[in-house]
Amino acid sequence: MIIRQALTETDVLNAFDIEQTVYSSETAASLEAFMMRKENFSLYFLVAETSHRQIIGVTNSVKLQHIHLTDESIKQSTASTLDGAYLCILTIAVHPAHQRKGVASLLLQQVIQLARRDLLKGIVLMCEEHLIEFYEKHGFVYISPSTSEHGGIKWHEMSLIWDV
């Protein structure tokens, strides 16, 4: 398996299919949002691909100038900025047939490497409660329950901040 940047529209469409499979219709990003993320933050739009060139996982992010997450800052591009100091992970999704095989960990590790390489101050995200332990295993710290009610879900804010 390789982790690589999504390069083509087909890559984005395959990644979007995974998003639609993994997330509920209320929480999944729109195709328009995926396209915006690919267009503006392509360095952080990654796919996991099998040796048979099948895309089985995706992660994408936007840059923010702050670490405070709100519904607006995660939905589209209202709070994102090309020169942001922090990376906000919006999606890590793995096709159900390939879950629990380390794919999400590899995607996350690559995002962390890229953010460090680019001298960002850290990474923030919101996740569901059952994913808190996963992110903690990768060095993230639990911040607090989120005020976001996106998709009617109880979200939790986490961060991985380092000195640059």
N, C-alpha and C. Protein backbone atom coordinates (compact mmCIF):
# COMPACT_ATOMS: atom_id res chain seq x y z
N MET A 1 0.85 -1.18 0.00
CA MET A 1 0.00 0.00 0.00
C MET A 1 0.89 1.23 0.00
N ILE A 2 0.44 2.24 -0.74
CA ILE A 2 1.15 3.51 -0.72
C ILE A 2 0.19 4.62 -0.30
N ILE A 3 0.76 5.63 0.33
CA ILE A 3 0.02 6.84 0.66
C ILE A 3 0.56 7.91 -0.28
N ARG A 4 -0.32 8.53 -1.02
CA ARG A 4 0.11 9.54 -1.99
C ARG A 4 -0.90 10.67 -2.06
N GLN A 5 -0.45 11.74 -2.66
CA GLN A 5 -1.32 12.89 -2.88
C GLN A 5 -2.38 12.52 -3.92
N ALA A 6 -3.60 12.96 -3.70
CA ALA A 6 -4.64 12.79 -4.72
C ALA A 6 -4.30 13.72 -5.87
N LEU A 7 -4.20 13.17 -7.06
CA LEU A 7 -3.71 13.96 -8.19
C LEU A 7 -4.78 14.29 -9.22
N THR A 8 -5.73 13.42 -9.40
CA THR A 8 -6.70 13.58 -10.49
C THR A 8 -8.11 13.74 -9.95
N GLU A 9 -8.99 14.14 -10.84
CA GLU A 9 -10.40 14.23 -10.47
C GLU A 9 -10.94 12.84 -10.12
N THR A 10 -10.45 11.81 -10.80
CA THR A 10 -10.86 10.45 -10.49
C THR A 10 -10.44 10.06 -9.07
N ASP A 11 -9.23 10.47 -8.67
CA ASP A 11 -8.81 10.24 -7.28
C ASP A 11 -9.78 10.86 -6.31
N VAL A 12 -10.17 12.10 -6.57
CA VAL A 12 -11.09 12.81 -5.68
C VAL A 12 -12.46 12.12 -5.66
N LEU A 13 -12.93 11.70 -6.81
CA LEU A 13 -14.23 11.02 -6.88
C LEU A 13 -14.19 9.68 -6.13
N ASN A 14 -13.10 8.94 -6.27
CA ASN A 14 -12.96 7.68 -5.52
C ASN A 14 -12.89 7.94 -4.02
N ALA A 15 -12.17 8.97 -3.64
CA ALA A 15 -12.09 9.35 -2.22
C ALA A 15 -13.45 9.79 -1.70
N PHE A 16 -14.18 10.53 -2.51
CA PHE A 16 -15.52 10.98 -2.14
C PHE A 16 -16.45 9.79 -1.93
N ASP A 17 -16.33 8.77 -2.77
CA ASP A 17 -17.15 7.56 -2.60
C ASP A 17 -16.90 6.92 -1.24
N ILE A 18 -15.63 6.90 -0.81
CA ILE A 18 -15.30 6.34 0.50
C ILE A 18 -15.93 7.20 1.60
N GLU A 19 -15.82 8.52 1.46
CA GLU A 19 -16.45 9.44 2.43
C GLU A 19 -17.93 9.13 2.57
N GLN A 20 -18.62 8.96 1.44
CA GLN A 20 -20.05 8.70 1.44
C GLN A 20 -20.38 7.34 2.05
N THR A 21 -19.47 6.39 1.92
CA THR A 21 -19.68 5.05 2.48
C THR A 21 -19.48 5.03 3.99
N VAL A 22 -18.50 5.78 4.47
CA VAL A 22 -18.11 5.72 5.87
C VAL A 22 -18.95 6.65 6.75
N TYR A 23 -19.25 7.83 6.26
CA TYR A 23 -19.98 8.82 7.06
C TYR A 23 -21.46 8.82 6.71
N SER A 24 -22.28 9.23 7.66
CA SER A 24 -23.71 9.36 7.40
C SER A 24 -23.95 10.52 6.43
N SER A 25 -25.10 10.54 5.83
CA SER A 25 -25.40 11.62 4.88
C SER A 25 -25.40 12.99 5.57
N GLU A 26 -25.68 13.01 6.89
CA GLU A 26 -25.68 14.28 7.62
C GLU A 26 -24.28 14.77 7.93
N THR A 27 -23.31 13.87 8.00
CA THR A 27 -21.95 14.27 8.38
C THR A 27 -20.95 14.24 7.24
N ALA A 28 -21.25 13.53 6.17
CA ALA A 28 -20.31 13.44 5.05
C ALA A 28 -20.17 14.79 4.36
N ALA A 29 -18.97 15.06 3.92
CA ALA A 29 -18.71 16.28 3.16
C ALA A 29 -19.35 16.17 1.78
N SER A 30 -19.63 17.30 1.20
CA SER A 30 -20.17 17.32 -0.16
C SER A 30 -19.03 17.16 -1.16
N LEU A 31 -19.39 16.81 -2.38
CA LEU A 31 -18.39 16.74 -3.44
C LEU A 31 -17.76 18.11 -3.65
N GLU A 32 -18.56 19.15 -3.55
CA GLU A 32 -18.05 20.52 -3.68
C GLU A 32 -16.98 20.80 -2.62
N ALA A 33 -17.21 20.36 -1.39
CA ALA A 33 -16.23 20.56 -0.32
C ALA A 33 -14.95 19.78 -0.62
N PHE A 34 -15.10 18.55 -1.10
CA PHE A 34 -13.92 17.76 -1.46
C PHE A 34 -13.12 18.46 -2.56
N MET A 35 -13.81 18.97 -3.55
CA MET A 35 -13.12 19.65 -4.66
C MET A 35 -12.40 20.90 -4.15
N MET A 36 -13.03 21.66 -3.25
CA MET A 36 -12.39 22.85 -2.68
C MET A 36 -11.14 22.46 -1.91
N ARG A 37 -11.23 21.40 -1.11
CA ARG A 37 -10.07 20.96 -0.34
C ARG A 37 -8.93 20.52 -1.26
N LYS A 38 -9.27 19.82 -2.32
CA LYS A 38 -8.25 19.38 -3.27
C LYS A 38 -7.62 20.58 -3.98
N GLU A 39 -8.45 21.53 -4.38
CA GLU A 39 -7.96 22.70 -5.10
C GLU A 39 -7.08 23.59 -4.22
N ASN A 40 -7.49 23.83 -2.99
CA ASN A 40 -6.79 24.79 -2.13
C ASN A 40 -5.74 24.18 -1.20
N PHE A 41 -5.90 22.91 -0.85
CA PHE A 41 -5.00 22.28 0.12
C PHE A 41 -4.55 20.91 -0.38
N SER A 42 -4.16 20.86 -1.64
CA SER A 42 -3.85 19.58 -2.28
C SER A 42 -2.70 18.82 -1.61
N LEU A 43 -1.77 19.54 -0.99
CA LEU A 43 -0.66 18.86 -0.31
C LEU A 43 -1.14 17.97 0.82
N TYR A 44 -2.31 18.29 1.36
CA TYR A 44 -2.85 17.56 2.50
C TYR A 44 -4.06 16.70 2.13
N PHE A 45 -4.26 16.51 0.84
CA PHE A 45 -5.35 15.65 0.35
C PHE A 45 -4.68 14.36 -0.13
N LEU A 46 -4.73 13.35 0.73
CA LEU A 46 -4.00 12.11 0.48
C LEU A 46 -4.94 10.93 0.33
N VAL A 47 -4.49 9.95 -0.43
CA VAL A 47 -5.22 8.70 -0.56
C VAL A 47 -4.30 7.54 -0.23
N ALA A 48 -4.90 6.47 0.26
CA ALA A 48 -4.21 5.20 0.46
C ALA A 48 -4.61 4.32 -0.71
N GLU A 49 -3.62 3.73 -1.34
CA GLU A 49 -3.86 2.97 -2.55
C GLU A 49 -3.21 1.59 -2.43
N THR A 50 -3.92 0.54 -2.85
CA THR A 50 -3.38 -0.81 -2.83
C THR A 50 -2.39 -0.98 -3.98
N SER A 51 -1.70 -2.10 -3.97
CA SER A 51 -0.76 -2.39 -5.06
C SER A 51 -1.49 -2.55 -6.40
N HIS A 52 -2.80 -2.75 -6.34
CA HIS A 52 -3.61 -2.86 -7.56
C HIS A 52 -4.24 -1.52 -7.96
N ARG A 53 -3.73 -0.44 -7.34
CA ARG A 53 -4.14 0.93 -7.64
C ARG A 53 -5.59 1.22 -7.25
N GLN A 54 -6.10 0.50 -6.26
CA GLN A 54 -7.44 0.75 -5.74
C GLN A 54 -7.33 1.68 -4.55
N ILE A 55 -8.06 2.79 -4.59
CA ILE A 55 -8.06 3.73 -3.47
C ILE A 55 -8.96 3.16 -2.38
N ILE A 56 -8.36 3.00 -1.18
CA ILE A 56 -9.10 2.40 -0.06
C ILE A 56 -9.22 3.32 1.14
N GLY A 57 -8.55 4.48 1.10
CA GLY A 57 -8.62 5.42 2.22
C GLY A 57 -8.32 6.83 1.76
N VAL A 58 -8.74 7.78 2.57
CA VAL A 58 -8.56 9.19 2.22
C VAL A 58 -8.40 10.02 3.49
N THR A 59 -7.62 11.05 3.39
CA THR A 59 -7.58 12.09 4.41
C THR A 59 -7.46 13.42 3.71
N ASN A 60 -8.11 14.42 4.26
CA ASN A 60 -7.94 15.78 3.75
C ASN A 60 -8.10 16.77 4.89
N SER A 61 -7.51 17.93 4.68
CA SER A 61 -7.40 18.93 5.73
C SER A 61 -7.44 20.32 5.12
N VAL A 62 -7.61 21.29 5.99
CA VAL A 62 -7.47 22.70 5.61
C VAL A 62 -6.56 23.36 6.64
N LYS A 63 -6.02 24.49 6.28
CA LYS A 63 -5.22 25.26 7.23
C LYS A 63 -6.10 26.30 7.90
N LEU A 64 -5.82 26.52 9.18
CA LEU A 64 -6.52 27.53 9.97
C LEU A 64 -5.48 28.40 10.66
N GLN A 65 -5.87 29.62 11.02
CA GLN A 65 -4.99 30.51 11.79
C GLN A 65 -5.13 30.31 13.29
N HIS A 66 -6.07 29.47 13.69
CA HIS A 66 -6.38 29.31 15.11
C HIS A 66 -6.63 27.84 15.41
N ILE A 67 -6.77 27.51 16.68
CA ILE A 67 -7.04 26.12 17.06
C ILE A 67 -8.46 25.92 17.58
N HIS A 68 -9.28 26.94 17.51
CA HIS A 68 -10.65 26.86 18.02
C HIS A 68 -11.58 26.43 16.90
N LEU A 69 -12.19 25.29 17.06
CA LEU A 69 -13.03 24.72 16.01
C LEU A 69 -14.50 25.04 16.26
N THR A 70 -15.16 25.39 15.19
CA THR A 70 -16.60 25.65 15.23
C THR A 70 -17.22 25.01 14.01
N ASP A 71 -18.52 24.94 13.98
CA ASP A 71 -19.19 24.39 12.80
C ASP A 71 -18.74 25.10 11.53
N GLU A 72 -18.67 26.41 11.58
CA GLU A 72 -18.30 27.16 10.38
C GLU A 72 -16.88 26.88 9.92
N SER A 73 -15.96 26.70 10.86
CA SER A 73 -14.57 26.48 10.46
C SER A 73 -14.34 25.09 9.89
N ILE A 74 -15.26 24.18 10.10
CA ILE A 74 -15.05 22.85 9.56
C ILE A 74 -15.89 22.56 8.32
N LYS A 75 -16.89 23.35 8.05
CA LYS A 75 -17.80 23.01 6.96
C LYS A 75 -17.19 23.21 5.59
N GLN A 76 -16.86 24.41 5.24
CA GLN A 76 -16.34 24.69 3.91
C GLN A 76 -15.05 25.45 4.06
N SER A 77 -15.00 26.61 3.45
CA SER A 77 -13.75 27.36 3.48
C SER A 77 -13.88 28.66 4.25
N THR A 78 -14.94 28.81 5.02
CA THR A 78 -15.19 30.10 5.65
C THR A 78 -14.08 30.53 6.60
N ALA A 79 -13.43 29.59 7.27
CA ALA A 79 -12.37 29.97 8.21
C ALA A 79 -11.00 29.48 7.76
N SER A 80 -10.96 28.74 6.66
CA SER A 80 -9.67 28.23 6.21
C SER A 80 -8.90 29.33 5.51
N THR A 81 -7.59 29.18 5.54
CA THR A 81 -6.73 30.17 4.93
C THR A 81 -5.49 29.47 4.39
N LEU A 82 -5.07 29.87 3.23
CA LEU A 82 -3.93 29.21 2.59
C LEU A 82 -2.65 29.32 3.40
N ASP A 83 -2.53 30.37 4.19
CA ASP A 83 -1.30 30.56 4.97
C ASP A 83 -1.52 30.30 6.46
N GLY A 84 -2.47 29.47 6.80
CA GLY A 84 -2.75 29.15 8.19
C GLY A 84 -1.58 28.48 8.89
N ALA A 85 -1.52 28.64 10.19
CA ALA A 85 -0.43 28.09 11.00
C ALA A 85 -0.74 26.69 11.53
N TYR A 86 -2.01 26.28 11.45
CA TYR A 86 -2.43 24.98 11.97
C TYR A 86 -3.13 24.21 10.87
N LEU A 87 -3.02 22.91 10.94
CA LEU A 87 -3.75 22.04 10.03
C LEU A 87 -4.97 21.50 10.75
N CYS A 88 -6.10 21.51 10.10
CA CYS A 88 -7.33 20.96 10.66
C CYS A 88 -7.73 19.75 9.81
N ILE A 89 -7.62 18.57 10.39
CA ILE A 89 -8.01 17.36 9.66
C ILE A 89 -9.54 17.31 9.61
N LEU A 90 -10.06 17.20 8.41
CA LEU A 90 -11.51 17.15 8.23
C LEU A 90 -12.00 15.73 7.97
N THR A 91 -11.18 14.94 7.32
CA THR A 91 -11.57 13.58 6.98
C THR A 91 -10.40 12.62 7.15
N ILE A 92 -10.65 11.54 7.80
CA ILE A 92 -9.85 10.33 7.65
C ILE A 92 -10.89 9.23 7.53
N ALA A 93 -10.92 8.60 6.36
CA ALA A 93 -11.93 7.56 6.11
C ALA A 93 -11.27 6.40 5.37
N VAL A 94 -11.63 5.21 5.79
CA VAL A 94 -11.11 3.99 5.16
C VAL A 94 -12.31 3.13 4.77
N HIS A 95 -12.27 2.62 3.56
CA HIS A 95 -13.36 1.76 3.09
C HIS A 95 -13.56 0.62 4.10
N PRO A 96 -14.81 0.29 4.42
CA PRO A 96 -15.09 -0.73 5.44
C PRO A 96 -14.36 -2.06 5.21
N ALA A 97 -14.14 -2.46 3.98
CA ALA A 97 -13.46 -3.73 3.69
C ALA A 97 -11.98 -3.70 4.08
N HIS A 98 -11.45 -2.49 4.35
CA HIS A 98 -10.02 -2.35 4.66
C HIS A 98 -9.78 -1.72 6.04
N GLN A 99 -10.82 -1.59 6.84
CA GLN A 99 -10.65 -1.02 8.17
C GLN A 99 -9.98 -2.01 9.11
N ARG A 100 -9.36 -1.46 10.16
CA ARG A 100 -8.67 -2.23 11.20
C ARG A 100 -7.45 -2.97 10.64
N LYS A 101 -6.83 -2.37 9.62
CA LYS A 101 -5.62 -2.94 9.02
C LYS A 101 -4.48 -1.93 9.03
N GLY A 102 -4.65 -0.82 9.76
CA GLY A 102 -3.59 0.17 9.87
C GLY A 102 -3.61 1.26 8.81
N VAL A 103 -4.59 1.27 7.95
CA VAL A 103 -4.65 2.26 6.88
C VAL A 103 -4.83 3.67 7.44
N ALA A 104 -5.75 3.83 8.36
CA ALA A 104 -5.99 5.16 8.96
C ALA A 104 -4.74 5.65 9.68
N SER A 105 -4.05 4.75 10.36
CA SER A 105 -2.82 5.15 11.05
C SER A 105 -1.76 5.63 10.07
N LEU A 106 -1.62 4.93 8.96
CA LEU A 106 -0.64 5.36 7.94
C LEU A 106 -1.01 6.72 7.36
N LEU A 107 -2.28 6.93 7.09
CA LEU A 107 -2.73 8.23 6.58
C LEU A 107 -2.43 9.33 7.59
N LEU A 108 -2.75 9.08 8.86
CA LEU A 108 -2.54 10.07 9.90
C LEU A 108 -1.05 10.36 10.08
N GLN A 109 -0.23 9.33 10.09
CA GLN A 109 1.20 9.52 10.24
C GLN A 109 1.77 10.38 9.11
N GLN A 110 1.27 10.17 7.90
CA GLN A 110 1.74 10.96 6.77
C GLN A 110 1.32 12.43 6.91
N VAL A 111 0.10 12.67 7.37
CA VAL A 111 -0.36 14.04 7.58
C VAL A 111 0.50 14.73 8.64
N ILE A 112 0.81 14.02 9.70
CA ILE A 112 1.65 14.60 10.76
C ILE A 112 3.02 14.95 10.20
N GLN A 113 3.61 14.06 9.42
CA GLN A 113 4.91 14.34 8.79
C GLN A 113 4.86 15.57 7.90
N LEU A 114 3.80 15.68 7.10
CA LEU A 114 3.68 16.83 6.20
C LEU A 114 3.54 18.14 6.98
N ALA A 115 2.73 18.12 8.02
CA ALA A 115 2.53 19.33 8.83
C ALA A 115 3.83 19.75 9.50
N ARG A 116 4.58 18.80 10.00
CA ARG A 116 5.88 19.11 10.61
C ARG A 116 6.86 19.63 9.55
N ARG A 117 6.89 18.98 8.40
CA ARG A 117 7.78 19.40 7.32
C ARG A 117 7.50 20.85 6.91
N ASP A 118 6.22 21.20 6.89
CA ASP A 118 5.81 22.52 6.46
C ASP A 118 5.87 23.55 7.58
N LEU A 119 6.43 23.15 8.72
CA LEU A 119 6.63 24.03 9.88
C LEU A 119 5.34 24.63 10.42
N LEU A 120 4.26 23.86 10.33
CA LEU A 120 3.02 24.30 10.96
C LEU A 120 3.16 24.13 12.46
N LYS A 121 2.30 24.80 13.21
CA LYS A 121 2.39 24.76 14.67
C LYS A 121 1.72 23.53 15.27
N GLY A 122 0.88 22.87 14.49
CA GLY A 122 0.22 21.68 14.99
C GLY A 122 -1.00 21.32 14.18
N ILE A 123 -1.72 20.33 14.70
CA ILE A 123 -2.90 19.80 14.02
C ILE A 123 -4.06 19.78 15.01
N VAL A 124 -5.23 20.13 14.53
CA VAL A 124 -6.45 20.06 15.33
C VAL A 124 -7.49 19.24 14.56
N LEU A 125 -8.45 18.73 15.30
CA LEU A 125 -9.52 17.96 14.66
C LEU A 125 -10.67 17.79 15.62
N MET A 126 -11.79 17.37 15.06
CA MET A 126 -12.94 16.95 15.86
C MET A 126 -13.23 15.52 15.47
N CYS A 127 -13.56 14.71 16.48
CA CYS A 127 -13.86 13.31 16.20
C CYS A 127 -15.01 12.84 17.09
N GLU A 128 -15.55 11.70 16.72
CA GLU A 128 -16.56 11.07 17.55
C GLU A 128 -15.87 10.39 18.74
N GLU A 129 -16.63 10.15 19.79
CA GLU A 129 -16.07 9.62 21.03
C GLU A 129 -15.29 8.32 20.83
N HIS A 130 -15.78 7.43 19.98
CA HIS A 130 -15.12 6.14 19.81
C HIS A 130 -13.75 6.25 19.13
N LEU A 131 -13.41 7.42 18.61
CA LEU A 131 -12.11 7.61 17.96
C LEU A 131 -11.08 8.34 18.83
N ILE A 132 -11.48 8.76 20.01
CA ILE A 132 -10.56 9.50 20.88
C ILE A 132 -9.31 8.66 21.16
N GLU A 133 -9.47 7.42 21.51
CA GLU A 133 -8.33 6.56 21.83
C GLU A 133 -7.39 6.40 20.63
N PHE A 134 -7.95 6.27 19.44
CA PHE A 134 -7.14 6.16 18.22
C PHE A 134 -6.22 7.36 18.09
N TYR A 135 -6.76 8.55 18.23
CA TYR A 135 -5.94 9.76 18.09
C TYR A 135 -4.95 9.90 19.24
N GLU A 136 -5.36 9.53 20.44
CA GLU A 136 -4.42 9.59 21.58
C GLU A 136 -3.21 8.68 21.33
N LYS A 137 -3.42 7.54 20.71
CA LYS A 137 -2.31 6.63 20.39
C LYS A 137 -1.30 7.28 19.45
N HIS A 138 -1.75 8.29 18.73
CA HIS A 138 -0.88 8.99 17.77
C HIS A 138 -0.39 10.33 18.33
N GLY A 139 -0.54 10.53 19.64
CA GLY A 139 0.01 11.71 20.28
C GLY A 139 -0.94 12.88 20.46
N PHE A 140 -2.17 12.76 20.00
CA PHE A 140 -3.12 13.85 20.16
C PHE A 140 -3.59 13.92 21.60
N VAL A 141 -3.94 15.12 22.02
CA VAL A 141 -4.42 15.37 23.37
C VAL A 141 -5.89 15.76 23.29
N TYR A 142 -6.68 15.19 24.19
CA TYR A 142 -8.10 15.54 24.27
C TYR A 142 -8.23 16.96 24.82
N ILE A 143 -8.99 17.80 24.13
CA ILE A 143 -9.19 19.18 24.58
C ILE A 143 -10.50 19.30 25.35
N SER A 144 -11.61 19.01 24.69
CA SER A 144 -12.92 19.15 25.33
C SER A 144 -14.01 18.67 24.39
N PRO A 145 -15.21 18.49 24.93
CA PRO A 145 -16.34 18.28 24.02
C PRO A 145 -16.48 19.52 23.14
N SER A 146 -16.87 19.32 21.92
CA SER A 146 -17.01 20.44 20.99
C SER A 146 -18.40 21.06 21.11
N THR A 147 -18.49 22.31 20.75
CA THR A 147 -19.80 22.96 20.68
C THR A 147 -20.50 22.64 19.36
N SER A 148 -19.78 22.02 18.44
CA SER A 148 -20.36 21.66 17.14
C SER A 148 -21.46 20.63 17.31
N GLU A 149 -22.51 20.81 16.55
CA GLU A 149 -23.60 19.85 16.51
C GLU A 149 -23.77 19.33 15.09
N HIS A 150 -22.70 19.38 14.31
CA HIS A 150 -22.71 18.96 12.91
C HIS A 150 -23.26 17.54 12.78
N GLY A 151 -24.31 17.39 11.99
CA GLY A 151 -24.91 16.09 11.76
C GLY A 151 -25.60 15.48 12.96
N GLY A 152 -25.84 16.30 14.00
CA GLY A 152 -26.50 15.80 15.19
C GLY A 152 -25.63 14.89 16.04
N ILE A 153 -24.31 15.00 15.87
CA ILE A 153 -23.37 14.13 16.59
C ILE A 153 -22.65 14.93 17.67
N LYS A 154 -22.29 14.24 18.74
CA LYS A 154 -21.49 14.82 19.81
C LYS A 154 -20.02 14.68 19.39
N TRP A 155 -19.37 15.80 19.11
CA TRP A 155 -17.99 15.82 18.64
C TRP A 155 -17.05 16.16 19.79
N HIS A 156 -15.79 15.79 19.63
CA HIS A 156 -14.77 16.04 20.63
C HIS A 156 -13.55 16.65 19.95
N GLU A 157 -13.03 17.72 20.54
CA GLU A 157 -11.86 18.40 19.98
C GLU A 157 -10.58 17.79 20.51
N MET A 158 -9.62 17.63 19.60
CA MET A 158 -8.32 17.08 19.96
C MET A 158 -7.24 17.88 19.23
N SER A 159 -6.04 17.84 19.76
CA SER A 159 -4.96 18.58 19.09
C SER A 159 -3.63 17.87 19.29
N LEU A 160 -2.74 18.16 18.38
CA LEU A 160 -1.35 17.73 18.44
C LEU A 160 -0.55 18.99 18.12
N ILE A 161 -0.05 19.62 19.16
CA ILE A 161 0.66 20.90 19.01
C ILE A 161 2.13 20.68 19.37
N TRP A 162 3.02 21.25 18.59
CA TRP A 162 4.45 21.14 18.86
C TRP A 162 5.09 22.50 18.68
N ASP A 163 6.27 22.65 19.23
CA ASP A 163 7.02 23.87 19.04
C ASP A 163 7.74 23.78 17.71
N VAL A 164 7.68 24.85 16.96
CA VAL A 164 8.32 24.85 15.64
C VAL A 164 9.70 25.45 15.76
